[in-house]
Amino acid sequence: MFLRDEHQPAARRHAKAGMTLVEVTCCVVIVGVMMVAALNTVGAAARSRHATGGLQQGGALARQIMAEVTQAFYSEPDDAEVMGPEPGEAQASGSRSAFDDADDYHGLNDSPPRGPDGAVLAGYEGWRRQVTVEYVSLANPSGAASATPTGLKRVAVTVTSPTGRKTTLIALRSPWSRYDQLPGLITTYITAAQVDIQIGTGNTSRASAGANLLNQIP
């Protein structure tokens, strides 16, 4: 026969109903592991978003300067052609308004990036744009550069972000482009357009891009 003590001390009953030190330690460990995992996930998402934004900005900056290069004449229309700006075309202000053929952009090293008028593009501190224009073989445009004219130029634009991420855009330019076909009458054409977009005040919310207007509109 078993007797049940109906008069156990209240402290003993409460001790049995509570959590032991081992249980508390296990809960702390589990919560800590979950918090670390959650913070790692949030951090990875933020880094991915930042990297994606930088990649988009780099591509937009590359397209903007490439639109300028490819709408210019294939070769110098007025003077003897040299690879790079002809005498008097390069301006101390950084303006590219005097550039009139594709290889004038050869050697361009823009940091921070500037617009065609030489004005610094706001929000791109620490960015760099570099342009290389080379003669390449018609039979092998991706091969080594040629020291003599070949009838084809390869334009390479490299944009480097403040973190060192590089975006490269490559185009080919021939003397048979629409931009080298002079109109029969004196007129003015819009051959390229540049767009600057700013949302809010942060640098990552700004984009500059350009495009060629192949259907030249007078």
C-alpha atoms as a PDB file:
ATOM      1  CA  MET A   1       0.000   0.000   0.000  1.00  0.00           C
ATOM      2  CA  PHE A   2       1.362   3.368  -1.081  1.00  0.00           C
ATOM      3  CA  LEU A   3       0.658   6.599   0.666  1.00  0.00           C
ATOM      4  CA  ARG A   4       0.708   9.881  -1.206  1.00  0.00           C
ATOM      5  CA  ASP A   5       1.934  12.916   0.632  1.00  0.00           C
ATOM      6  CA  GLU A   6      -0.570  15.661  -0.040  1.00  0.00           C
ATOM      7  CA  HIS A   7       1.441  18.135   1.965  1.00  0.00           C
ATOM      8  CA  GLN A   8       4.720  18.462  -0.015  1.00  0.00           C
ATOM      9  CA  PRO A   9       6.482  21.811   0.440  1.00  0.00           C
ATOM     10  CA  ALA A  10       5.584  24.403  -2.204  1.00  0.00           C
ATOM     11  CA  ALA A  11       9.264  25.031  -3.013  1.00  0.00           C
ATOM     12  CA  ARG A  12       9.759  21.384  -3.978  1.00  0.00           C
ATOM     13  CA  ARG A  13       6.679  21.398  -6.249  1.00  0.00           C
ATOM     14  CA  HIS A  14       7.867  24.568  -7.997  1.00  0.00           C
ATOM     15  CA  ALA A  15      11.358  23.120  -8.520  1.00  0.00           C
ATOM     16  CA  LYS A  16       9.939  20.130 -10.352  1.00  0.00           C
ATOM     17  CA  ALA A  17       7.777  22.356 -12.596  1.00  0.00           C
ATOM     18  CA  GLY A  18      10.671  24.702 -13.642  1.00  0.00           C
ATOM     19  CA  MET A  19      13.519  24.327 -16.235  1.00  0.00           C
ATOM     20  CA  THR A  20      16.873  22.875 -15.391  1.00  0.00           C
ATOM     21  CA  LEU A  21      20.162  24.630 -16.128  1.00  0.00           C
ATOM     22  CA  VAL A  22      20.881  22.142 -18.916  1.00  0.00           C
ATOM     23  CA  GLU A  23      17.565  22.928 -20.613  1.00  0.00           C
ATOM     24  CA  VAL A  24      18.204  26.668 -20.395  1.00  0.00           C
ATOM     25  CA  THR A  25      21.687  26.223 -21.881  1.00  0.00           C
ATOM     26  CA  CYS A  26      20.311  24.177 -24.789  1.00  0.00           C
ATOM     27  CA  CYS A  27      17.709  26.855 -25.541  1.00  0.00           C
ATOM     28  CA  VAL A  28      20.347  29.585 -25.546  1.00  0.00           C
ATOM     29  CA  VAL A  29      22.543  27.581 -27.925  1.00  0.00           C
ATOM     30  CA  ILE A  30      19.641  26.898 -30.318  1.00  0.00           C
ATOM     31  CA  VAL A  31      18.538  30.541 -30.350  1.00  0.00           C
ATOM     32  CA  GLY A  32      22.137  31.668 -30.910  1.00  0.00           C
ATOM     33  CA  VAL A  33      22.607  29.320 -33.862  1.00  0.00           C
ATOM     34  CA  MET A  34      19.334  30.488 -35.398  1.00  0.00           C
ATOM     35  CA  MET A  35      20.304  34.163 -34.989  1.00  0.00           C
ATOM     36  CA  VAL A  36      23.709  33.603 -36.614  1.00  0.00           C
ATOM     37  CA  ALA A  37      22.067  31.809 -39.550  1.00  0.00           C
ATOM     38  CA  ALA A  38      19.503  34.593 -39.937  1.00  0.00           C
ATOM     39  CA  LEU A  39      22.157  37.329 -39.835  1.00  0.00           C
ATOM     40  CA  ASN A  40      24.283  35.481 -42.411  1.00  0.00           C
ATOM     41  CA  THR A  41      21.273  35.225 -44.716  1.00  0.00           C
ATOM     42  CA  VAL A  42      20.472  38.932 -44.368  1.00  0.00           C
ATOM     43  CA  GLY A  43      24.130  39.861 -44.921  1.00  0.00           C
ATOM     44  CA  ALA A  44      24.389  37.686 -48.028  1.00  0.00           C
ATOM     45  CA  ALA A  45      21.224  39.239 -49.454  1.00  0.00           C
ATOM     46  CA  ALA A  46      22.564  42.758 -48.818  1.00  0.00           C
ATOM     47  CA  ARG A  47      25.912  41.934 -50.442  1.00  0.00           C
ATOM     48  CA  SER A  48      24.175  40.388 -53.422  1.00  0.00           C
ATOM     49  CA  ARG A  49      21.948  43.449 -53.824  1.00  0.00           C
ATOM     50  CA  HIS A  50      24.961  45.769 -53.617  1.00  0.00           C
ATOM     51  CA  ALA A  51      26.928  43.693 -56.146  1.00  0.00           C
ATOM     52  CA  THR A  52      23.987  43.592 -58.548  1.00  0.00           C
ATOM     53  CA  GLY A  53      23.575  47.360 -58.285  1.00  0.00           C
ATOM     54  CA  GLY A  54      27.281  47.878 -58.989  1.00  0.00           C
ATOM     55  CA  LEU A  55      27.124  45.562 -61.996  1.00  0.00           C
ATOM     56  CA  GLN A  56      24.168  47.467 -63.424  1.00  0.00           C
ATOM     57  CA  GLN A  57      25.927  50.805 -62.908  1.00  0.00           C
ATOM     58  CA  GLY A  58      29.094  49.505 -64.543  1.00  0.00           C
ATOM     59  CA  GLY A  59      27.184  48.265 -67.573  1.00  0.00           C
ATOM     60  CA  ALA A  60      25.318  51.558 -67.914  1.00  0.00           C
ATOM     61  CA  LEU A  61      28.545  53.587 -67.760  1.00  0.00           C
ATOM     62  CA  ALA A  62      30.131  51.326 -70.374  1.00  0.00           C
ATOM     63  CA  ARG A  63      27.148  51.659 -72.736  1.00  0.00           C
ATOM     64  CA  GLN A  64      27.139  55.438 -72.349  1.00  0.00           C
ATOM     65  CA  ILE A  65      30.727  55.909 -73.540  1.00  0.00           C
ATOM     66  CA  MET A  66      30.398  53.144 -76.155  1.00  0.00           C
ATOM     67  CA  ALA A  67      27.451  54.991 -77.692  1.00  0.00           C
ATOM     68  CA  GLU A  68      29.714  58.026 -78.082  1.00  0.00           C
ATOM     69  CA  VAL A  69      32.549  56.082 -79.666  1.00  0.00           C
ATOM     70  CA  THR A  70      30.522  54.109 -82.180  1.00  0.00           C
ATOM     71  CA  GLN A  71      28.553  57.120 -83.466  1.00  0.00           C
ATOM     72  CA  ALA A  72      31.759  58.971 -84.366  1.00  0.00           C
ATOM     73  CA  PHE A  73      33.356  58.708 -87.819  1.00  0.00           C
ATOM     74  CA  TYR A  74      35.446  55.618 -88.441  1.00  0.00           C
ATOM     75  CA  SER A  75      38.466  57.705 -89.448  1.00  0.00           C
ATOM     76  CA  GLU A  76      39.552  61.304 -89.068  1.00  0.00           C
ATOM     77  CA  PRO A  77      37.536  63.425 -91.537  1.00  0.00           C
ATOM     78  CA  ASP A  78      39.783  66.511 -91.535  1.00  0.00           C
ATOM     79  CA  ASP A  79      43.378  65.723 -90.540  1.00  0.00           C
ATOM     80  CA  ALA A  80      45.877  62.919 -90.875  1.00  0.00           C
ATOM     81  CA  GLU A  81      44.696  60.067 -88.686  1.00  0.00           C
ATOM     82  CA  VAL A  82      46.560  59.114 -85.538  1.00  0.00           C
ATOM     83  CA  MET A  83      45.524  56.597 -82.910  1.00  0.00           C
ATOM     84  CA  GLY A  84      44.173  58.850 -80.176  1.00  0.00           C
ATOM     85  CA  PRO A  85      43.069  62.492 -80.223  1.00  0.00           C
ATOM     86  CA  GLU A  86      44.533  64.650 -82.973  1.00  0.00           C
ATOM     87  CA  PRO A  87      46.411  67.810 -81.899  1.00  0.00           C
ATOM     88  CA  GLY A  88      44.007  70.328 -80.415  1.00  0.00           C
ATOM     89  CA  GLU A  89      41.166  67.832 -79.824  1.00  0.00           C
ATOM     90  CA  ALA A  90      42.043  66.801 -76.272  1.00  0.00           C
ATOM     91  CA  GLN A  91      40.925  69.490 -73.830  1.00  0.00           C
ATOM     92  CA  ALA A  92      42.221  70.085 -70.319  1.00  0.00           C
ATOM     93  CA  SER A  93      38.644  70.339 -69.034  1.00  0.00           C
ATOM     94  CA  GLY A  94      38.026  66.720 -69.969  1.00  0.00           C
ATOM     95  CA  SER A  95      35.522  67.686 -72.666  1.00  0.00           C
ATOM     96  CA  ARG A  96      35.179  65.276 -75.601  1.00  0.00           C
ATOM     97  CA  SER A  97      33.239  67.726 -77.761  1.00  0.00           C
ATOM     98  CA  ALA A  98      36.096  67.929 -80.304  1.00  0.00           C
ATOM     99  CA  PHE A  99      36.380  64.153 -80.743  1.00  0.00           C
ATOM    100  CA  ASP A 100      35.171  63.359 -84.263  1.00  0.00           C
ATOM    101  CA  ASP A 101      36.409  59.827 -84.987  1.00  0.00           C
ATOM    102  CA  ALA A 102      36.339  56.554 -83.069  1.00  0.00           C
ATOM    103  CA  ASP A 103      40.032  56.288 -82.289  1.00  0.00           C
ATOM    104  CA  ASP A 104      40.053  59.754 -80.660  1.00  0.00           C
ATOM    105  CA  TYR A 105      38.796  57.840 -77.613  1.00  0.00           C
ATOM    106  CA  HIS A 106      41.811  55.546 -77.563  1.00  0.00           C
ATOM    107  CA  GLY A 107      43.619  55.881 -74.236  1.00  0.00           C
ATOM    108  CA  LEU A 108      40.707  57.636 -72.498  1.00  0.00           C
ATOM    109  CA  ASN A 109      41.097  57.184 -68.752  1.00  0.00           C
ATOM    110  CA  ASP A 110      38.128  58.760 -67.028  1.00  0.00           C
ATOM    111  CA  SER A 111      38.156  58.884 -63.202  1.00  0.00           C
ATOM    112  CA  PRO A 112      35.682  59.983 -62.084  1.00  0.00           C
ATOM    113  CA  PRO A 113      33.586  59.431 -65.246  1.00  0.00           C
ATOM    114  CA  ARG A 114      32.622  62.573 -67.175  1.00  0.00           C
ATOM    115  CA  GLY A 115      29.945  63.462 -69.677  1.00  0.00           C
ATOM    116  CA  PRO A 116      30.767  64.527 -73.261  1.00  0.00           C
ATOM    117  CA  ASP A 117      30.992  68.157 -72.112  1.00  0.00           C
ATOM    118  CA  GLY A 118      33.580  67.297 -69.451  1.00  0.00           C
ATOM    119  CA  ALA A 119      31.210  67.642 -66.512  1.00  0.00           C
ATOM    120  CA  VAL A 120      31.799  65.054 -63.781  1.00  0.00           C
ATOM    121  CA  LEU A 121      28.919  62.588 -63.463  1.00  0.00           C
ATOM    122  CA  ALA A 122      27.536  62.995 -59.936  1.00  0.00           C
ATOM    123  CA  GLY A 123      27.381  59.892 -57.777  1.00  0.00           C
ATOM    124  CA  TYR A 124      30.278  58.018 -59.403  1.00  0.00           C
ATOM    125  CA  GLU A 125      33.164  58.943 -57.126  1.00  0.00           C
ATOM    126  CA  GLY A 126      35.780  56.187 -57.187  1.00  0.00           C
ATOM    127  CA  TRP A 127      34.651  54.778 -60.567  1.00  0.00           C
ATOM    128  CA  ARG A 128      36.976  54.577 -63.580  1.00  0.00           C
ATOM    129  CA  ARG A 129      36.365  54.207 -67.342  1.00  0.00           C
ATOM    130  CA  GLN A 130      39.077  53.202 -69.794  1.00  0.00           C
ATOM    131  CA  VAL A 131      38.794  52.966 -73.583  1.00  0.00           C
ATOM    132  CA  THR A 132      41.046  51.114 -76.007  1.00  0.00           C
ATOM    133  CA  VAL A 133      40.672  51.321 -79.809  1.00  0.00           C
ATOM    134  CA  GLU A 134      42.761  48.988 -81.981  1.00  0.00           C
ATOM    135  CA  TYR A 135      43.016  47.864 -85.591  1.00  0.00           C
ATOM    136  CA  VAL A 136      42.075  44.188 -85.927  1.00  0.00           C
ATOM    137  CA  SER A 137      41.904  41.702 -88.770  1.00  0.00           C
ATOM    138  CA  LEU A 138      38.652  41.369 -90.700  1.00  0.00           C
ATOM    139  CA  ALA A 139      39.157  37.615 -90.713  1.00  0.00           C
ATOM    140  CA  ASN A 140      39.832  37.397 -86.965  1.00  0.00           C
ATOM    141  CA  PRO A 141      38.372  40.382 -85.075  1.00  0.00           C
ATOM    142  CA  SER A 142      39.037  38.791 -81.677  1.00  0.00           C
ATOM    143  CA  GLY A 143      42.725  38.214 -82.454  1.00  0.00           C
ATOM    144  CA  ALA A 144      45.770  40.326 -81.766  1.00  0.00           C
ATOM    145  CA  ALA A 145      45.785  44.010 -82.627  1.00  0.00           C
ATOM    146  CA  SER A 146      47.441  45.259 -85.812  1.00  0.00           C
ATOM    147  CA  ALA A 147      49.857  48.167 -85.998  1.00  0.00           C
ATOM    148  CA  THR A 148      48.559  49.207 -89.434  1.00  0.00           C
ATOM    149  CA  PRO A 149      45.044  50.044 -90.693  1.00  0.00           C
ATOM    150  CA  THR A 150      42.949  46.987 -91.553  1.00  0.00           C
ATOM    151  CA  GLY A 151      39.499  48.415 -92.257  1.00  0.00           C
ATOM    152  CA  LEU A 152      38.172  47.335 -88.836  1.00  0.00           C
ATOM    153  CA  LYS A 153      38.554  48.768 -85.342  1.00  0.00           C
ATOM    154  CA  ARG A 154      37.873  47.004 -82.066  1.00  0.00           C
ATOM    155  CA  VAL A 155      36.618  49.207 -79.242  1.00  0.00           C
ATOM    156  CA  ALA A 156      36.955  47.956 -75.678  1.00  0.00           C
ATOM    157  CA  VAL A 157      35.444  49.852 -72.744  1.00  0.00           C
ATOM    158  CA  THR A 158      36.387  48.769 -69.220  1.00  0.00           C
ATOM    159  CA  VAL A 159      34.584  50.198 -66.197  1.00  0.00           C
ATOM    160  CA  THR A 160      36.037  49.612 -62.727  1.00  0.00           C
ATOM    161  CA  SER A 161      33.895  50.123 -59.630  1.00  0.00           C
ATOM    162  CA  PRO A 162      35.246  51.500 -56.318  1.00  0.00           C
ATOM    163  CA  THR A 163      35.474  47.896 -55.065  1.00  0.00           C
ATOM    164  CA  GLY A 164      37.539  46.779 -58.062  1.00  0.00           C
ATOM    165  CA  ARG A 165      34.770  44.965 -59.975  1.00  0.00           C
ATOM    166  CA  LYS A 166      35.362  45.291 -63.740  1.00  0.00           C
ATOM    167  CA  THR A 167      32.758  45.455 -66.495  1.00  0.00           C
ATOM    168  CA  THR A 168      33.997  45.202 -70.094  1.00  0.00           C
ATOM    169  CA  LEU A 169      32.068  46.002 -73.261  1.00  0.00           C
ATOM    170  CA  ILE A 170      33.502  45.315 -76.742  1.00  0.00           C
ATOM    171  CA  ALA A 171      32.274  46.537 -80.131  1.00  0.00           C
ATOM    172  CA  LEU A 172      33.555  46.506 -83.706  1.00  0.00           C
ATOM    173  CA  ARG A 173      33.567  49.581 -85.920  1.00  0.00           C
ATOM    174  CA  SER A 174      33.946  49.510 -89.706  1.00  0.00           C
ATOM    175  CA  PRO A 175      34.054  52.336 -92.296  1.00  0.00           C
ATOM    176  CA  TRP A 176      30.759  51.091 -93.789  1.00  0.00           C
ATOM    177  CA  SER A 177      28.549  52.190 -90.900  1.00  0.00           C
ATOM    178  CA  ARG A 178      25.506  54.425 -91.329  1.00  0.00           C
ATOM    179  CA  TYR A 179      27.446  57.057 -89.434  1.00  0.00           C
ATOM    180  CA  ASP A 180      30.003  57.279 -92.246  1.00  0.00           C
ATOM    181  CA  GLN A 181      27.414  57.773 -94.980  1.00  0.00           C
ATOM    182  CA  LEU A 182      27.249  61.531 -95.406  1.00  0.00           C
ATOM    183  CA  PRO A 183      23.845  62.973 -96.350  1.00  0.00           C
ATOM    184  CA  GLY A 184      23.328  64.587 -99.736  1.00  0.00           C
ATOM    185  CA  LEU A 185      22.213  67.843 -98.127  1.00  0.00           C
ATOM    186  CA  ILE A 186      23.617  69.817 -95.246  1.00  0.00           C
ATOM    187  CA  THR A 187      21.570  68.870 -92.217  1.00  0.00           C
ATOM    188  CA  THR A 188      21.846  68.090 -88.509  1.00  0.00           C
ATOM    189  CA  TYR A 189      21.284  64.593 -87.148  1.00  0.00           C
ATOM    190  CA  ILE A 190      20.798  63.224 -83.661  1.00  0.00           C
ATOM    191  CA  THR A 191      23.024  60.164 -83.669  1.00  0.00           C
ATOM    192  CA  ALA A 192      23.245  59.300 -79.966  1.00  0.00           C
ATOM    193  CA  ALA A 193      21.404  60.024 -76.741  1.00  0.00           C
ATOM    194  CA  GLN A 194      22.477  59.995 -73.100  1.00  0.00           C
ATOM    195  CA  VAL A 195      20.158  59.500 -70.135  1.00  0.00           C
ATOM    196  CA  ASP A 196      20.904  60.212 -66.454  1.00  0.00           C
ATOM    197  CA  ILE A 197      18.440  58.861 -63.886  1.00  0.00           C
ATOM    198  CA  GLN A 198      18.509  59.597 -60.155  1.00  0.00           C
ATOM    199  CA  ILE A 199      16.100  58.055 -57.637  1.00  0.00           C
ATOM    200  CA  GLY A 200      16.501  59.408 -54.124  1.00  0.00           C
ATOM    201  CA  THR A 201      19.847  60.633 -52.856  1.00  0.00           C
ATOM    202  CA  GLY A 202      21.970  57.474 -52.640  1.00  0.00           C
ATOM    203  CA  ASN A 203      24.770  56.821 -55.140  1.00  0.00           C
ATOM    204  CA  THR A 204      23.507  53.287 -55.799  1.00  0.00           C
ATOM    205  CA  SER A 205      20.203  54.691 -57.061  1.00  0.00           C
ATOM    206  CA  ARG A 206      21.814  56.621 -59.928  1.00  0.00           C
ATOM    207  CA  ALA A 207      22.373  55.393 -63.470  1.00  0.00           C
ATOM    208  CA  SER A 208      23.851  56.958 -66.604  1.00  0.00           C
ATOM    209  CA  ALA A 209      23.478  55.253 -69.980  1.00  0.00           C
ATOM    210  CA  GLY A 210      23.546  56.013 -73.680  1.00  0.00           C
ATOM    211  CA  ALA A 211      22.306  54.545 -76.926  1.00  0.00           C
ATOM    212  CA  ASN A 212      22.906  54.960 -80.641  1.00  0.00           C
ATOM    213  CA  LEU A 213      20.042  56.081 -82.839  1.00  0.00           C
ATOM    214  CA  LEU A 214      20.667  53.949 -85.903  1.00  0.00           C
ATOM    215  CA  ASN A 215      17.701  55.488 -87.712  1.00  0.00           C
ATOM    216  CA  GLN A 216      19.271  58.919 -87.838  1.00  0.00           C
ATOM    217  CA  ILE A 217      16.541  61.446 -87.218  1.00  0.00           C
ATOM    218  CA  PRO A 218      17.111  64.949 -88.639  1.00  0.00           C
END
